């Protein structure tokens, strides 16, 4: 038992939680790279600033949410409690829809 009173869990659960966290961080980095690419390559297109800001904002939200999810899951695993509800997949799904719509608008507005 650890000093905090929580049991030391099977290391496989801890490592799986860490792998999930790292996958979310990779996703956040991909959104950040997309935002930087928009700034670098199509910054003169109408609506590009909104698209870049959305991508960068989602990157920050996903990275912050990933850390929070990792922390809450780690605590639950160590205490033998149920895992907390997962909100990140919903955020990601909505974010991808918004980015898709904004991308289409930037494309259409740039052609007009």
N, C-alpha and C. Protein backbone atom coordinates (compact mmCIF):
# COMPACT_ATOMS: atom_id res chain seq x y z
N UNK A 1 0.85 -1.17 0.00
CA UNK A 1 0.00 0.00 0.00
C UNK A 1 0.90 1.24 0.00
N UNK A 2 0.51 2.25 -0.76
CA UNK A 2 1.29 3.48 -0.85
C UNK A 2 0.99 4.38 0.35
N UNK A 3 1.80 5.41 0.57
CA UNK A 3 1.58 6.32 1.70
C UNK A 3 0.21 7.01 1.65
N UNK A 4 -0.37 7.17 0.47
CA UNK A 4 -1.67 7.85 0.36
C UNK A 4 -2.82 6.93 0.74
N UNK A 5 -2.53 5.67 0.99
CA UNK A 5 -3.59 4.74 1.35
C UNK A 5 -4.16 3.98 0.17
N UNK A 6 -3.70 4.29 -1.04
CA UNK A 6 -4.19 3.60 -2.23
C UNK A 6 -3.31 2.39 -2.52
N UNK A 7 -3.93 1.36 -3.03
CA UNK A 7 -3.20 0.15 -3.40
C UNK A 7 -2.39 0.41 -4.66
N UNK A 8 -1.26 -0.28 -4.75
CA UNK A 8 -0.46 -0.20 -5.98
C UNK A 8 -1.11 -1.15 -6.99
N UNK A 9 -1.59 -0.62 -8.12
CA UNK A 9 -2.33 -1.45 -9.08
C UNK A 9 -1.39 -2.32 -9.92
N UNK A 10 -1.98 -3.24 -10.65
CA UNK A 10 -1.24 -4.02 -11.63
C UNK A 10 -0.62 -3.03 -12.61
N UNK A 11 0.67 -3.14 -12.85
CA UNK A 11 1.37 -2.17 -13.68
C UNK A 11 0.80 -2.09 -15.09
N UNK A 12 0.17 -3.15 -15.57
CA UNK A 12 -0.39 -3.14 -16.93
C UNK A 12 -1.50 -2.10 -17.05
N UNK A 13 -2.29 -1.91 -16.00
CA UNK A 13 -3.35 -0.91 -16.03
C UNK A 13 -2.76 0.50 -16.05
N UNK A 14 -1.73 0.69 -15.25
CA UNK A 14 -1.07 2.00 -15.20
C UNK A 14 -0.45 2.33 -16.55
N UNK A 15 0.22 1.35 -17.15
CA UNK A 15 0.85 1.59 -18.45
C UNK A 15 -0.19 1.79 -19.56
N UNK A 16 -1.30 1.08 -19.49
CA UNK A 16 -2.37 1.28 -20.48
C UNK A 16 -2.94 2.69 -20.36
N UNK A 17 -3.11 3.16 -19.14
CA UNK A 17 -3.60 4.52 -18.93
C UNK A 17 -2.60 5.53 -19.50
N UNK A 18 -1.32 5.28 -19.31
CA UNK A 18 -0.30 6.17 -19.83
C UNK A 18 -0.28 6.16 -21.37
N UNK A 19 -0.43 4.99 -21.97
CA UNK A 19 -0.48 4.90 -23.44
C UNK A 19 -1.67 5.68 -23.99
N UNK A 20 -2.81 5.60 -23.31
CA UNK A 20 -3.98 6.34 -23.74
C UNK A 20 -3.72 7.84 -23.66
N UNK A 21 -3.09 8.27 -22.57
CA UNK A 21 -2.72 9.68 -22.42
C UNK A 21 -1.82 10.12 -23.57
N UNK A 22 -0.82 9.31 -23.89
CA UNK A 22 0.11 9.67 -24.96
C UNK A 22 -0.59 9.71 -26.32
N UNK A 23 -1.57 8.86 -26.53
CA UNK A 23 -2.33 8.89 -27.78
C UNK A 23 -3.10 10.20 -27.90
N UNK A 24 -3.69 10.65 -26.79
CA UNK A 24 -4.40 11.93 -26.81
C UNK A 24 -3.43 13.09 -27.05
N UNK A 25 -2.23 13.00 -26.48
CA UNK A 25 -1.23 14.05 -26.70
C UNK A 25 -0.82 14.08 -28.17
N UNK A 26 -0.66 12.91 -28.79
CA UNK A 26 -0.34 12.89 -30.23
C UNK A 26 -1.46 13.55 -31.04
N UNK A 27 -2.70 13.30 -30.64
CA UNK A 27 -3.83 13.92 -31.33
C UNK A 27 -3.78 15.44 -31.16
N UNK A 28 -3.49 15.90 -29.94
CA UNK A 28 -3.38 17.34 -29.69
C UNK A 28 -2.25 17.95 -30.53
N UNK A 29 -1.13 17.25 -30.64
CA UNK A 29 -0.02 17.74 -31.46
C UNK A 29 -0.40 17.81 -32.94
N UNK A 30 -1.19 16.86 -33.40
CA UNK A 30 -1.64 16.88 -34.80
C UNK A 30 -2.53 18.09 -35.06
N UNK A 31 -3.42 18.40 -34.12
CA UNK A 31 -4.27 19.58 -34.27
C UNK A 31 -3.41 20.85 -34.25
N UNK A 32 -2.42 20.90 -33.37
CA UNK A 32 -1.53 22.07 -33.32
C UNK A 32 -0.75 22.21 -34.63
N UNK A 33 -0.26 21.09 -35.16
CA UNK A 33 0.46 21.13 -36.44
C UNK A 33 -0.46 21.61 -37.56
N UNK A 34 -1.70 21.17 -37.53
CA UNK A 34 -2.66 21.64 -38.54
C UNK A 34 -2.89 23.14 -38.44
N UNK A 35 -3.01 23.66 -37.21
CA UNK A 35 -3.18 25.09 -37.02
C UNK A 35 -1.99 25.89 -37.52
N UNK A 36 -0.80 25.39 -37.23
CA UNK A 36 0.42 26.07 -37.69
C UNK A 36 0.51 25.99 -39.22
N UNK A 37 0.11 24.87 -39.79
CA UNK A 37 0.14 24.73 -41.26
C UNK A 37 -0.82 25.72 -41.91
N UNK A 38 -1.99 25.88 -41.34
CA UNK A 38 -2.95 26.85 -41.89
C UNK A 38 -2.34 28.25 -41.85
N UNK A 39 -1.73 28.59 -40.73
CA UNK A 39 -1.10 29.91 -40.60
C UNK A 39 0.01 30.08 -41.63
N UNK A 40 0.80 29.03 -41.82
CA UNK A 40 1.95 29.12 -42.71
C UNK A 40 1.62 29.06 -44.19
N UNK A 41 0.58 28.32 -44.56
CA UNK A 41 0.35 28.08 -45.98
C UNK A 41 -0.87 28.78 -46.58
N UNK A 42 -1.90 29.01 -45.79
CA UNK A 42 -3.10 29.63 -46.37
C UNK A 42 -3.59 30.80 -45.53
N UNK A 43 -2.69 31.48 -44.88
CA UNK A 43 -3.10 32.57 -43.98
C UNK A 43 -3.79 33.70 -44.71
N UNK A 44 -3.59 33.82 -46.02
CA UNK A 44 -4.22 34.90 -46.76
C UNK A 44 -5.64 34.56 -47.21
N UNK A 45 -6.08 33.32 -47.05
CA UNK A 45 -7.43 32.93 -47.44
C UNK A 45 -8.44 33.44 -46.42
N UNK A 46 -9.62 33.80 -46.91
CA UNK A 46 -10.68 34.26 -45.99
C UNK A 46 -11.10 33.11 -45.08
N UNK A 47 -11.18 33.38 -43.80
CA UNK A 47 -11.59 32.37 -42.84
C UNK A 47 -10.45 31.53 -42.30
N UNK A 48 -9.26 31.71 -42.84
CA UNK A 48 -8.12 30.89 -42.40
C UNK A 48 -7.78 31.15 -40.94
N UNK A 49 -7.92 32.37 -40.51
CA UNK A 49 -7.61 32.70 -39.11
C UNK A 49 -8.54 31.95 -38.16
N UNK A 50 -9.82 31.88 -38.51
CA UNK A 50 -10.78 31.16 -37.67
C UNK A 50 -10.46 29.67 -37.64
N UNK A 51 -10.07 29.13 -38.78
CA UNK A 51 -9.71 27.71 -38.85
C UNK A 51 -8.47 27.43 -38.02
N UNK A 52 -7.45 28.28 -38.16
CA UNK A 52 -6.21 28.09 -37.40
C UNK A 52 -6.48 28.22 -35.90
N UNK A 53 -7.26 29.21 -35.51
CA UNK A 53 -7.58 29.40 -34.09
C UNK A 53 -8.36 28.21 -33.54
N UNK A 54 -9.27 27.66 -34.33
CA UNK A 54 -10.04 26.50 -33.90
C UNK A 54 -9.13 25.30 -33.70
N UNK A 55 -8.25 25.06 -34.66
CA UNK A 55 -7.32 23.93 -34.55
C UNK A 55 -6.40 24.08 -33.33
N UNK A 56 -5.87 25.26 -33.14
CA UNK A 56 -4.97 25.48 -32.00
C UNK A 56 -5.73 25.42 -30.67
N UNK A 57 -6.94 25.95 -30.66
CA UNK A 57 -7.76 25.88 -29.45
C UNK A 57 -8.11 24.44 -29.09
N UNK A 58 -8.49 23.66 -30.09
CA UNK A 58 -8.78 22.24 -29.85
C UNK A 58 -7.55 21.51 -29.33
N UNK A 59 -6.40 21.87 -29.85
CA UNK A 59 -5.16 21.26 -29.40
C UNK A 59 -4.96 21.48 -27.90
N UNK A 60 -5.18 22.70 -27.47
CA UNK A 60 -5.03 23.03 -26.04
C UNK A 60 -6.07 22.28 -25.20
N UNK A 61 -7.32 22.26 -25.66
CA UNK A 61 -8.38 21.57 -24.92
C UNK A 61 -8.11 20.06 -24.83
N UNK A 62 -7.67 19.47 -25.91
CA UNK A 62 -7.40 18.03 -25.92
C UNK A 62 -6.23 17.70 -25.00
N UNK A 63 -5.17 18.48 -25.06
CA UNK A 63 -4.01 18.22 -24.20
C UNK A 63 -4.38 18.38 -22.73
N UNK A 64 -5.10 19.43 -22.40
CA UNK A 64 -5.53 19.63 -21.01
C UNK A 64 -6.49 18.55 -20.55
N UNK A 65 -7.43 18.19 -21.42
CA UNK A 65 -8.37 17.12 -21.10
C UNK A 65 -7.69 15.78 -20.95
N UNK A 66 -6.65 15.54 -21.76
CA UNK A 66 -5.90 14.28 -21.67
C UNK A 66 -5.21 14.16 -20.31
N UNK A 67 -4.62 15.26 -19.86
CA UNK A 67 -3.95 15.21 -18.56
C UNK A 67 -4.98 14.97 -17.44
N UNK A 68 -6.09 15.68 -17.52
CA UNK A 68 -7.13 15.51 -16.49
C UNK A 68 -7.66 14.08 -16.49
N UNK A 69 -7.91 13.54 -17.68
CA UNK A 69 -8.40 12.16 -17.80
C UNK A 69 -7.38 11.18 -17.24
N UNK A 70 -6.10 11.37 -17.56
CA UNK A 70 -5.05 10.48 -17.05
C UNK A 70 -5.03 10.52 -15.52
N UNK A 71 -5.08 11.73 -14.96
CA UNK A 71 -5.02 11.89 -13.52
C UNK A 71 -6.22 11.24 -12.83
N UNK A 72 -7.43 11.51 -13.31
CA UNK A 72 -8.63 10.93 -12.71
C UNK A 72 -8.65 9.40 -12.86
N UNK A 73 -8.22 8.92 -14.01
CA UNK A 73 -8.18 7.47 -14.23
C UNK A 73 -7.14 6.81 -13.33
N UNK A 74 -6.00 7.45 -13.18
CA UNK A 74 -4.95 6.90 -12.32
C UNK A 74 -5.44 6.79 -10.88
N UNK A 75 -6.10 7.83 -10.41
CA UNK A 75 -6.64 7.79 -9.04
C UNK A 75 -7.67 6.68 -8.89
N UNK A 76 -8.56 6.55 -9.89
CA UNK A 76 -9.60 5.52 -9.83
C UNK A 76 -8.98 4.13 -9.85
N UNK A 77 -7.98 3.92 -10.70
CA UNK A 77 -7.31 2.62 -10.79
C UNK A 77 -6.67 2.28 -9.45
N UNK A 78 -5.99 3.24 -8.86
CA UNK A 78 -5.29 2.98 -7.59
C UNK A 78 -6.26 2.72 -6.44
N UNK A 79 -7.43 3.32 -6.49
CA UNK A 79 -8.41 3.12 -5.42
C UNK A 79 -9.39 1.98 -5.71
N UNK A 80 -9.29 1.37 -6.89
CA UNK A 80 -10.19 0.30 -7.25
C UNK A 80 -11.61 0.77 -7.52
N UNK A 81 -11.74 2.01 -7.96
CA UNK A 81 -13.05 2.60 -8.24
C UNK A 81 -13.34 2.55 -9.74
N UNK A 82 -14.61 2.77 -10.12
CA UNK A 82 -14.93 2.83 -11.55
C UNK A 82 -14.21 4.01 -12.22
N UNK A 83 -13.91 3.84 -13.48
CA UNK A 83 -13.25 4.92 -14.21
C UNK A 83 -14.23 6.07 -14.43
N UNK A 84 -13.71 7.29 -14.48
CA UNK A 84 -14.59 8.45 -14.71
C UNK A 84 -15.14 8.43 -16.14
N UNK A 85 -16.24 9.12 -16.38
CA UNK A 85 -16.79 9.16 -17.74
C UNK A 85 -15.81 9.85 -18.69
N UNK A 86 -15.78 9.39 -19.92
CA UNK A 86 -14.86 9.93 -20.92
C UNK A 86 -15.55 11.03 -21.73
N UNK A 87 -15.08 12.25 -21.60
CA UNK A 87 -15.64 13.38 -22.34
C UNK A 87 -14.79 13.74 -23.57
N UNK A 88 -13.53 13.31 -23.57
CA UNK A 88 -12.65 13.67 -24.68
C UNK A 88 -13.13 13.15 -26.04
N UNK A 89 -13.63 11.93 -26.15
CA UNK A 89 -14.10 11.50 -27.47
C UNK A 89 -15.21 12.39 -28.03
N UNK A 90 -16.10 12.85 -27.17
CA UNK A 90 -17.17 13.75 -27.60
C UNK A 90 -16.58 15.08 -28.07
N UNK A 91 -15.64 15.62 -27.30
CA UNK A 91 -14.98 16.87 -27.68
C UNK A 91 -14.29 16.71 -29.03
N UNK A 92 -13.59 15.60 -29.20
CA UNK A 92 -12.88 15.37 -30.46
C UNK A 92 -13.85 15.25 -31.63
N UNK A 93 -14.94 14.53 -31.44
CA UNK A 93 -15.92 14.36 -32.52
C UNK A 93 -16.52 15.70 -32.93
N UNK A 94 -16.92 16.50 -31.95
CA UNK A 94 -17.48 17.82 -32.25
C UNK A 94 -16.42 18.70 -32.90
N UNK A 95 -15.20 18.64 -32.39
CA UNK A 95 -14.11 19.43 -32.95
C UNK A 95 -13.81 19.09 -34.40
N UNK A 96 -13.82 17.81 -34.72
CA UNK A 96 -13.56 17.39 -36.11
C UNK A 96 -14.68 17.88 -37.03
N UNK A 97 -15.91 17.84 -36.57
CA UNK A 97 -17.03 18.35 -37.37
C UNK A 97 -16.86 19.85 -37.61
N UNK A 98 -16.53 20.59 -36.56
CA UNK A 98 -16.35 22.04 -36.70
C UNK A 98 -15.19 22.34 -37.65
N UNK A 99 -14.08 21.63 -37.50
CA UNK A 99 -12.93 21.85 -38.37
C UNK A 99 -13.28 21.51 -39.82
N UNK A 100 -14.04 20.45 -40.02
CA UNK A 100 -14.46 20.09 -41.37
C UNK A 100 -15.31 21.16 -42.01
N UNK A 101 -16.25 21.69 -41.25
CA UNK A 101 -17.13 22.75 -41.77
C UNK A 101 -16.31 24.01 -42.07
N UNK A 102 -15.44 24.39 -41.13
CA UNK A 102 -14.61 25.58 -41.36
C UNK A 102 -13.69 25.39 -42.56
N UNK A 103 -13.12 24.19 -42.71
CA UNK A 103 -12.24 23.92 -43.85
C UNK A 103 -13.00 24.06 -45.16
N UNK A 104 -14.21 23.54 -45.20
CA UNK A 104 -15.02 23.65 -46.40
C UNK A 104 -15.34 25.12 -46.69
N UNK A 105 -15.66 25.88 -45.65
CA UNK A 105 -15.96 27.30 -45.84
C UNK A 105 -14.73 28.07 -46.35
N UNK A 106 -13.57 27.77 -45.77
CA UNK A 106 -12.35 28.43 -46.23
C UNK A 106 -12.10 28.11 -47.70
N UNK A 107 -12.30 26.86 -48.08
CA UNK A 107 -12.11 26.46 -49.47
C UNK A 107 -13.08 27.19 -50.40
N UNK A 108 -14.36 27.21 -50.02
CA UNK A 108 -15.38 27.86 -50.85
C UNK A 108 -15.14 29.37 -50.92
N UNK A 109 -14.87 29.99 -49.77
CA UNK A 109 -14.65 31.44 -49.77
C UNK A 109 -13.41 31.83 -50.54
N UNK A 110 -12.40 30.98 -50.51
CA UNK A 110 -11.15 31.30 -51.23
C UNK A 110 -11.35 31.19 -52.74
N UNK A 111 -12.30 30.36 -53.16
CA UNK A 111 -12.57 30.18 -54.59
C UNK A 111 -13.50 31.25 -55.13
N UNK A 112 -14.23 31.92 -54.22
CA UNK A 112 -15.23 32.90 -54.64
C UNK A 112 -14.59 34.22 -55.04
